[in-house]
């Protein structure tokens, strides 16, 4: 009878999740592009302990979007698509926003569950800034390479 009044869930047994503020990943997508949102979005998905099949799906979607963006940049550079090369940055932001909305669709419910059990959102300043810098470098190098072809 004494066991009835003991807590059934102990803090040692609970599998804790971590997460960034999911809506703040939009800024990472806008300023950092596809590489940044893919890296931080996949990290956040793993932290929220989303099923492996969904993490694999998000990885595939990210790779497809990166390849599609590179193909569009190449097509613009080769004048296959009649758009001014100055709009390449805008195209990159559109692909980043699309990737964010896909990640948001997968991460929103687990994030709300994370908050409902007392979880807190971690700061996105440092990892977001680092991801934006590295993503910008990778994106610039890839774009310059494709435009030089």
N, C-alpha and C. Protein backbone atom coordinates (compact mmCIF):
# COMPACT_ATOMS: atom_id res chain seq x y z
N UNK A 1 0.80 -1.20 0.00
CA UNK A 1 0.00 0.00 0.00
C UNK A 1 0.84 1.26 0.00
N UNK A 2 2.00 1.21 0.57
CA UNK A 2 2.84 2.41 0.63
C UNK A 2 3.32 2.84 -0.75
N UNK A 3 3.42 1.93 -1.69
CA UNK A 3 3.91 2.25 -3.03
C UNK A 3 2.93 3.09 -3.84
N UNK A 4 1.67 3.13 -3.43
CA UNK A 4 0.68 3.89 -4.17
C UNK A 4 0.96 5.39 -4.13
N UNK A 5 1.59 5.86 -3.09
CA UNK A 5 1.81 7.28 -2.94
C UNK A 5 3.19 7.73 -3.42
N UNK A 6 3.98 6.81 -3.93
CA UNK A 6 5.28 7.18 -4.48
C UNK A 6 5.10 7.57 -5.95
N UNK A 7 5.86 8.55 -6.38
CA UNK A 7 5.72 8.96 -7.79
C UNK A 7 6.12 7.82 -8.73
N UNK A 8 5.34 7.63 -9.76
CA UNK A 8 5.62 6.55 -10.70
C UNK A 8 6.66 6.97 -11.73
N UNK A 9 6.74 8.25 -12.02
CA UNK A 9 7.75 8.76 -12.95
C UNK A 9 8.80 9.49 -12.14
N UNK A 10 9.99 9.01 -12.22
CA UNK A 10 11.09 9.65 -11.51
C UNK A 10 11.95 10.38 -12.53
N UNK A 11 12.58 11.43 -12.10
CA UNK A 11 13.37 12.26 -13.02
C UNK A 11 14.51 11.48 -13.66
N UNK A 12 14.98 10.42 -13.02
CA UNK A 12 16.07 9.64 -13.59
C UNK A 12 15.60 8.80 -14.77
N UNK A 13 14.34 8.38 -14.76
CA UNK A 13 13.83 7.47 -15.78
C UNK A 13 13.31 8.21 -17.01
N UNK A 14 13.10 9.50 -16.93
CA UNK A 14 12.50 10.25 -18.02
C UNK A 14 13.55 10.53 -19.09
N UNK A 15 13.21 10.25 -20.32
CA UNK A 15 14.09 10.50 -21.44
C UNK A 15 13.87 11.94 -21.89
N UNK A 16 14.76 12.83 -21.49
CA UNK A 16 14.61 14.26 -21.75
C UNK A 16 14.87 14.59 -23.21
N UNK A 17 14.15 15.58 -23.70
CA UNK A 17 14.37 16.09 -25.05
C UNK A 17 14.92 17.50 -24.95
N UNK A 18 15.56 17.92 -26.01
CA UNK A 18 16.07 19.29 -26.12
C UNK A 18 15.50 19.87 -27.40
N UNK A 19 15.49 21.19 -27.49
CA UNK A 19 14.97 21.80 -28.70
C UNK A 19 15.33 23.27 -28.75
N UNK A 20 15.45 23.76 -29.97
CA UNK A 20 15.49 25.19 -30.20
C UNK A 20 14.05 25.66 -30.36
N UNK A 21 13.83 26.95 -30.28
CA UNK A 21 12.52 27.51 -30.60
C UNK A 21 12.31 27.27 -32.10
N UNK A 22 11.35 26.43 -32.44
CA UNK A 22 11.18 26.00 -33.83
C UNK A 22 10.87 27.18 -34.74
N UNK A 23 10.08 28.13 -34.30
CA UNK A 23 9.74 29.26 -35.16
C UNK A 23 10.96 30.15 -35.44
N UNK A 24 11.95 30.15 -34.55
CA UNK A 24 13.15 30.95 -34.79
C UNK A 24 14.05 30.35 -35.87
N UNK A 25 13.81 29.10 -36.23
CA UNK A 25 14.57 28.51 -37.33
C UNK A 25 14.27 29.21 -38.65
N UNK A 26 13.16 29.95 -38.70
CA UNK A 26 12.84 30.72 -39.92
C UNK A 26 13.93 31.74 -40.21
N UNK A 27 14.44 32.40 -39.18
CA UNK A 27 15.48 33.39 -39.38
C UNK A 27 16.77 32.74 -39.87
N UNK A 28 17.05 31.56 -39.38
CA UNK A 28 18.22 30.81 -39.85
C UNK A 28 18.03 30.48 -41.33
N UNK A 29 16.82 30.10 -41.71
CA UNK A 29 16.55 29.77 -43.11
C UNK A 29 16.69 31.00 -44.00
N UNK A 30 16.23 32.15 -43.53
CA UNK A 30 16.28 33.35 -44.34
C UNK A 30 17.70 33.90 -44.49
N UNK A 31 18.46 33.88 -43.42
CA UNK A 31 19.80 34.46 -43.47
C UNK A 31 20.87 33.45 -43.84
N UNK A 32 20.65 32.20 -43.52
CA UNK A 32 21.67 31.18 -43.75
C UNK A 32 21.41 30.30 -44.95
N UNK A 33 20.17 30.18 -45.35
CA UNK A 33 19.86 29.37 -46.51
C UNK A 33 19.63 27.90 -46.18
N UNK A 34 19.69 27.11 -47.22
CA UNK A 34 19.36 25.69 -47.11
C UNK A 34 20.30 24.90 -46.23
N UNK A 35 21.60 25.14 -46.36
CA UNK A 35 22.54 24.35 -45.58
C UNK A 35 22.34 24.59 -44.08
N UNK A 36 22.11 25.84 -43.70
CA UNK A 36 21.93 26.16 -42.28
C UNK A 36 20.65 25.57 -41.72
N UNK A 37 19.55 25.72 -42.45
CA UNK A 37 18.28 25.19 -41.93
C UNK A 37 18.29 23.66 -41.92
N UNK A 38 18.96 23.06 -42.89
CA UNK A 38 19.04 21.59 -42.91
C UNK A 38 19.85 21.10 -41.71
N UNK A 39 20.98 21.74 -41.44
CA UNK A 39 21.83 21.29 -40.33
C UNK A 39 21.13 21.46 -38.99
N UNK A 40 20.59 22.65 -38.73
CA UNK A 40 19.95 22.89 -37.43
C UNK A 40 18.60 22.21 -37.32
N UNK A 41 17.88 22.10 -38.42
CA UNK A 41 16.60 21.42 -38.39
C UNK A 41 16.75 19.92 -38.11
N UNK A 42 17.75 19.31 -38.73
CA UNK A 42 18.00 17.88 -38.47
C UNK A 42 18.50 17.66 -37.05
N UNK A 43 19.34 18.57 -36.56
CA UNK A 43 19.80 18.46 -35.17
C UNK A 43 18.61 18.57 -34.22
N UNK A 44 17.73 19.51 -34.49
CA UNK A 44 16.56 19.69 -33.64
C UNK A 44 15.64 18.47 -33.70
N UNK A 45 15.50 17.88 -34.87
CA UNK A 45 14.68 16.67 -35.01
C UNK A 45 15.25 15.53 -34.17
N UNK A 46 16.56 15.39 -34.17
CA UNK A 46 17.20 14.35 -33.35
C UNK A 46 17.02 14.65 -31.87
N UNK A 47 17.16 15.90 -31.48
CA UNK A 47 16.98 16.28 -30.08
C UNK A 47 15.56 16.00 -29.60
N UNK A 48 14.58 16.21 -30.49
CA UNK A 48 13.19 15.97 -30.12
C UNK A 48 12.81 14.50 -30.21
N UNK A 49 13.78 13.68 -30.59
CA UNK A 49 13.62 12.23 -30.66
C UNK A 49 12.47 11.82 -31.61
N UNK A 50 12.47 12.47 -32.76
CA UNK A 50 11.50 12.11 -33.80
C UNK A 50 11.90 10.76 -34.37
N UNK A 51 10.92 10.00 -34.84
CA UNK A 51 11.19 8.68 -35.39
C UNK A 51 12.24 8.76 -36.50
N UNK A 52 13.05 7.72 -36.57
CA UNK A 52 14.17 7.68 -37.50
C UNK A 52 13.70 7.81 -38.96
N UNK A 53 12.56 7.23 -39.29
CA UNK A 53 12.08 7.30 -40.68
C UNK A 53 11.76 8.74 -41.08
N UNK A 54 11.29 9.55 -40.13
CA UNK A 54 11.00 10.95 -40.44
C UNK A 54 12.29 11.77 -40.55
N UNK A 55 13.27 11.44 -39.73
CA UNK A 55 14.57 12.12 -39.84
C UNK A 55 15.20 11.78 -41.19
N UNK A 56 15.09 10.54 -41.62
CA UNK A 56 15.61 10.16 -42.94
C UNK A 56 14.85 10.88 -44.05
N UNK A 57 13.55 11.00 -43.90
CA UNK A 57 12.74 11.72 -44.89
C UNK A 57 13.15 13.19 -44.95
N UNK A 58 13.35 13.82 -43.79
CA UNK A 58 13.79 15.21 -43.76
C UNK A 58 15.17 15.37 -44.39
N UNK A 59 16.04 14.41 -44.19
CA UNK A 59 17.37 14.45 -44.80
C UNK A 59 17.26 14.37 -46.32
N UNK A 60 16.43 13.47 -46.80
CA UNK A 60 16.24 13.33 -48.25
C UNK A 60 15.64 14.59 -48.84
N UNK A 61 14.64 15.15 -48.18
CA UNK A 61 14.01 16.38 -48.66
C UNK A 61 15.03 17.51 -48.70
N UNK A 62 15.87 17.61 -47.68
CA UNK A 62 16.90 18.66 -47.64
C UNK A 62 17.89 18.50 -48.80
N UNK A 63 18.32 17.28 -49.04
CA UNK A 63 19.26 17.02 -50.14
C UNK A 63 18.63 17.35 -51.48
N UNK A 64 17.37 16.96 -51.66
CA UNK A 64 16.67 17.25 -52.92
C UNK A 64 16.54 18.76 -53.12
N UNK A 65 16.20 19.48 -52.06
CA UNK A 65 16.08 20.94 -52.18
C UNK A 65 17.43 21.59 -52.48
N UNK A 66 18.49 21.09 -51.88
CA UNK A 66 19.82 21.64 -52.15
C UNK A 66 20.20 21.40 -53.61
N UNK A 67 19.96 20.19 -54.10
CA UNK A 67 20.27 19.88 -55.50
C UNK A 67 19.41 20.72 -56.44
N UNK A 68 18.12 20.87 -56.11
CA UNK A 68 17.22 21.68 -56.94
C UNK A 68 17.67 23.14 -56.97
N UNK A 69 18.10 23.66 -55.82
CA UNK A 69 18.57 25.04 -55.78
C UNK A 69 19.83 25.21 -56.62
N UNK A 70 20.75 24.26 -56.51
CA UNK A 70 21.97 24.32 -57.31
C UNK A 70 21.65 24.22 -58.80
N UNK A 71 20.67 23.41 -59.16
CA UNK A 71 20.26 23.29 -60.56
C UNK A 71 19.67 24.60 -61.07
N UNK A 72 18.86 25.25 -60.24
CA UNK A 72 18.27 26.53 -60.63
C UNK A 72 19.36 27.60 -60.77
N UNK A 73 20.32 27.61 -59.86
CA UNK A 73 21.43 28.57 -59.95
C UNK A 73 22.23 28.33 -61.23
N UNK A 74 22.47 27.07 -61.55
CA UNK A 74 23.18 26.74 -62.78
C UNK A 74 22.37 27.20 -63.99
N UNK A 75 21.07 26.95 -63.98
CA UNK A 75 20.21 27.34 -65.10
C UNK A 75 20.17 28.86 -65.27
N UNK A 76 20.17 29.58 -64.17
CA UNK A 76 20.20 31.04 -64.25
C UNK A 76 21.54 31.51 -64.80
N UNK A 77 22.62 30.90 -64.32
CA UNK A 77 23.96 31.28 -64.78
C UNK A 77 24.18 30.99 -66.25
N UNK A 78 23.57 29.94 -66.77
CA UNK A 78 23.71 29.57 -68.18
C UNK A 78 22.64 30.21 -69.06
N UNK A 79 21.82 31.08 -68.49
CA UNK A 79 20.74 31.78 -69.20
C UNK A 79 19.67 30.82 -69.74
N UNK A 80 19.57 29.64 -69.12
CA UNK A 80 18.49 28.72 -69.48
C UNK A 80 17.18 29.26 -68.93
N UNK A 81 17.25 29.81 -67.73
CA UNK A 81 16.12 30.52 -67.13
C UNK A 81 16.44 32.01 -67.26
N UNK A 82 15.55 32.74 -67.88
CA UNK A 82 15.81 34.15 -68.17
C UNK A 82 15.51 35.02 -66.95
N UNK A 83 16.38 34.92 -65.96
CA UNK A 83 16.28 35.74 -64.74
C UNK A 83 17.64 36.39 -64.53
N UNK A 84 17.63 37.60 -64.05
CA UNK A 84 18.88 38.30 -63.77
C UNK A 84 19.65 37.58 -62.66
N UNK A 85 20.96 37.51 -62.79
CA UNK A 85 21.79 36.81 -61.80
C UNK A 85 21.71 37.45 -60.41
N UNK A 86 21.26 38.69 -60.34
CA UNK A 86 21.13 39.36 -59.05
C UNK A 86 20.03 38.73 -58.19
N UNK A 87 19.14 37.99 -58.83
CA UNK A 87 18.03 37.36 -58.10
C UNK A 87 18.38 35.99 -57.55
N UNK A 88 19.61 35.54 -57.73
CA UNK A 88 20.02 34.23 -57.22
C UNK A 88 19.89 34.18 -55.70
N UNK A 89 20.23 35.27 -55.04
CA UNK A 89 20.12 35.31 -53.58
C UNK A 89 18.65 35.16 -53.15
N UNK A 90 17.76 35.79 -53.89
CA UNK A 90 16.33 35.68 -53.60
C UNK A 90 15.83 34.25 -53.80
N UNK A 91 16.29 33.61 -54.86
CA UNK A 91 15.94 32.21 -55.13
C UNK A 91 16.40 31.33 -53.97
N UNK A 92 17.61 31.58 -53.49
CA UNK A 92 18.14 30.82 -52.35
C UNK A 92 17.29 30.99 -51.11
N UNK A 93 16.82 32.21 -50.88
CA UNK A 93 15.97 32.45 -49.72
C UNK A 93 14.61 31.75 -49.87
N UNK A 94 14.10 31.69 -51.09
CA UNK A 94 12.84 30.97 -51.32
C UNK A 94 12.99 29.48 -51.01
N UNK A 95 14.10 28.90 -51.46
CA UNK A 95 14.34 27.49 -51.15
C UNK A 95 14.53 27.28 -49.64
N UNK A 96 15.21 28.22 -48.98
CA UNK A 96 15.38 28.14 -47.53
C UNK A 96 14.05 28.21 -46.80
N UNK A 97 13.17 29.12 -47.25
CA UNK A 97 11.85 29.24 -46.63
C UNK A 97 11.03 27.97 -46.85
N UNK A 98 11.12 27.40 -48.04
CA UNK A 98 10.39 26.15 -48.31
C UNK A 98 10.88 25.04 -47.39
N UNK A 99 12.19 24.96 -47.22
CA UNK A 99 12.76 23.94 -46.34
C UNK A 99 12.31 24.17 -44.89
N UNK A 100 12.26 25.44 -44.46
CA UNK A 100 11.80 25.74 -43.10
C UNK A 100 10.37 25.24 -42.89
N UNK A 101 9.48 25.53 -43.84
CA UNK A 101 8.09 25.14 -43.67
C UNK A 101 7.93 23.62 -43.63
N UNK A 102 8.76 22.92 -44.36
CA UNK A 102 8.73 21.45 -44.30
C UNK A 102 9.18 20.99 -42.92
N UNK A 103 10.29 21.55 -42.42
CA UNK A 103 10.77 21.18 -41.09
C UNK A 103 9.74 21.57 -40.03
N UNK A 104 9.13 22.74 -40.18
CA UNK A 104 8.13 23.20 -39.22
C UNK A 104 6.96 22.22 -39.15
N UNK A 105 6.55 21.70 -40.29
CA UNK A 105 5.44 20.75 -40.31
C UNK A 105 5.77 19.49 -39.52
N UNK A 106 7.03 19.06 -39.57
CA UNK A 106 7.44 17.86 -38.85
C UNK A 106 7.78 18.12 -37.38
N UNK A 107 8.26 19.32 -37.07
CA UNK A 107 8.79 19.59 -35.72
C UNK A 107 7.81 20.28 -34.79
N UNK A 108 6.75 20.87 -35.31
CA UNK A 108 5.87 21.67 -34.47
C UNK A 108 5.19 20.86 -33.38
N UNK A 109 4.60 19.73 -33.72
CA UNK A 109 3.90 18.92 -32.71
C UNK A 109 4.86 18.36 -31.65
N UNK A 110 6.00 17.76 -32.05
CA UNK A 110 6.94 17.29 -31.02
C UNK A 110 7.48 18.43 -30.16
N UNK A 111 7.63 19.62 -30.75
CA UNK A 111 8.11 20.77 -29.98
C UNK A 111 7.08 21.17 -28.93
N UNK A 112 5.81 21.19 -29.31
CA UNK A 112 4.76 21.54 -28.35
C UNK A 112 4.68 20.49 -27.23
N UNK A 113 4.88 19.23 -27.58
CA UNK A 113 4.91 18.18 -26.55
C UNK A 113 6.11 18.38 -25.62
N UNK A 114 7.25 18.77 -26.19
CA UNK A 114 8.45 19.04 -25.42
C UNK A 114 8.18 20.15 -24.39
N UNK A 115 7.49 21.20 -24.82
CA UNK A 115 7.17 22.30 -23.92
C UNK A 115 6.14 21.90 -22.87
N UNK A 116 5.19 21.04 -23.25
CA UNK A 116 4.12 20.66 -22.33
C UNK A 116 4.62 19.82 -21.16
N UNK A 117 5.75 19.15 -21.31
CA UNK A 117 6.29 18.35 -20.22
C UNK A 117 7.39 19.10 -19.46
N UNK A 118 7.42 20.40 -19.64
CA UNK A 118 8.37 21.21 -18.87
C UNK A 118 9.69 21.48 -19.57
N UNK A 119 9.81 21.11 -20.82
CA UNK A 119 11.04 21.39 -21.56
C UNK A 119 11.14 22.87 -21.90
N UNK A 120 12.36 23.31 -22.09
CA UNK A 120 12.60 24.71 -22.44
C UNK A 120 13.30 24.78 -23.78
N UNK A 121 13.12 25.89 -24.45
CA UNK A 121 13.80 26.11 -25.72
C UNK A 121 15.20 26.65 -25.45
N UNK A 122 16.18 26.05 -26.13
CA UNK A 122 17.56 26.51 -25.99
C UNK A 122 17.80 27.70 -26.90
N UNK A 123 18.79 28.48 -26.56
CA UNK A 123 19.12 29.66 -27.34
C UNK A 123 19.66 29.26 -28.71
N UNK A 124 19.23 29.96 -29.72
CA UNK A 124 19.64 29.69 -31.08
C UNK A 124 20.68 30.69 -31.56
N UNK A 125 21.08 31.62 -30.71
CA UNK A 125 22.00 32.67 -31.14
C UNK A 125 23.33 32.12 -31.63
N UNK A 126 24.05 31.43 -30.79
CA UNK A 126 25.38 30.96 -31.17
C UNK A 126 25.33 29.91 -32.28
N UNK A 127 24.56 28.82 -32.12
CA UNK A 127 24.54 27.83 -33.21
C UNK A 127 23.95 28.39 -34.50
N UNK A 128 22.97 29.27 -34.37
CA UNK A 128 22.39 29.89 -35.55
C UNK A 128 23.38 30.77 -36.28
N UNK A 129 24.12 31.56 -35.53
CA UNK A 129 25.12 32.44 -36.13
C UNK A 129 26.22 31.63 -36.81
N UNK A 130 26.69 30.59 -36.15
CA UNK A 130 27.73 29.73 -36.73
C UNK A 130 27.21 29.05 -37.99
N UNK A 131 25.99 28.54 -37.94
CA UNK A 131 25.41 27.88 -39.12
C UNK A 131 25.23 28.87 -40.26
N UNK A 132 24.84 30.10 -39.97
CA UNK A 132 24.66 31.11 -41.01
C UNK A 132 26.00 31.43 -41.67
N UNK A 133 27.06 31.58 -40.87
CA UNK A 133 28.38 31.90 -41.42
C UNK A 133 28.87 30.77 -42.33
N UNK A 134 28.86 29.53 -41.81
CA UNK A 134 29.36 28.41 -42.60
C UNK A 134 28.48 28.14 -43.82
N UNK A 135 27.19 28.26 -43.65
CA UNK A 135 26.28 28.05 -44.77
C UNK A 135 26.50 29.12 -45.84
N UNK A 136 26.72 30.34 -45.40
CA UNK A 136 26.99 31.41 -46.36
C UNK A 136 28.24 31.15 -47.17
N UNK A 137 29.29 30.66 -46.50
CA UNK A 137 30.54 30.34 -47.21
C UNK A 137 30.34 29.20 -48.21
N UNK A 138 29.68 28.14 -47.77
CA UNK A 138 29.44 27.00 -48.66
C UNK A 138 28.56 27.42 -49.84
N UNK A 139 27.52 28.18 -49.55
CA UNK A 139 26.60 28.62 -50.59
C UNK A 139 27.31 29.55 -51.59
N UNK A 140 28.14 30.45 -51.08
CA UNK A 140 28.86 31.37 -51.97
C UNK A 140 29.83 30.61 -52.87
N UNK A 141 30.56 29.66 -52.30
CA UNK A 141 31.49 28.88 -53.10
C UNK A 141 30.77 28.05 -54.16
N UNK A 142 29.68 27.41 -53.78
CA UNK A 142 28.91 26.61 -54.74
C UNK A 142 28.33 27.49 -55.84
N UNK A 143 27.80 28.64 -55.47
CA UNK A 143 27.22 29.55 -56.45
C UNK A 143 28.28 30.08 -57.40
N UNK A 144 29.41 30.50 -56.88
CA UNK A 144 30.50 30.99 -57.73
C UNK A 144 31.00 29.90 -58.68
N UNK A 145 31.11 28.69 -58.18
CA UNK A 145 31.54 27.58 -59.02
C UNK A 145 30.55 27.33 -60.15
N UNK A 146 29.25 27.32 -59.82
CA UNK A 146 28.24 27.07 -60.84
C UNK A 146 28.13 28.20 -61.85
N UNK A 147 28.34 29.43 -61.41
CA UNK A 147 28.27 30.56 -62.33
C UNK A 147 29.51 30.62 -63.23
N UNK A 148 30.61 30.04 -62.77
CA UNK A 148 31.84 30.05 -63.57
C UNK A 148 31.82 28.99 -64.65
N UNK A 149 30.93 28.03 -64.57
CA UNK A 149 30.87 26.96 -65.58
C UNK A 149 30.42 27.49 -66.93
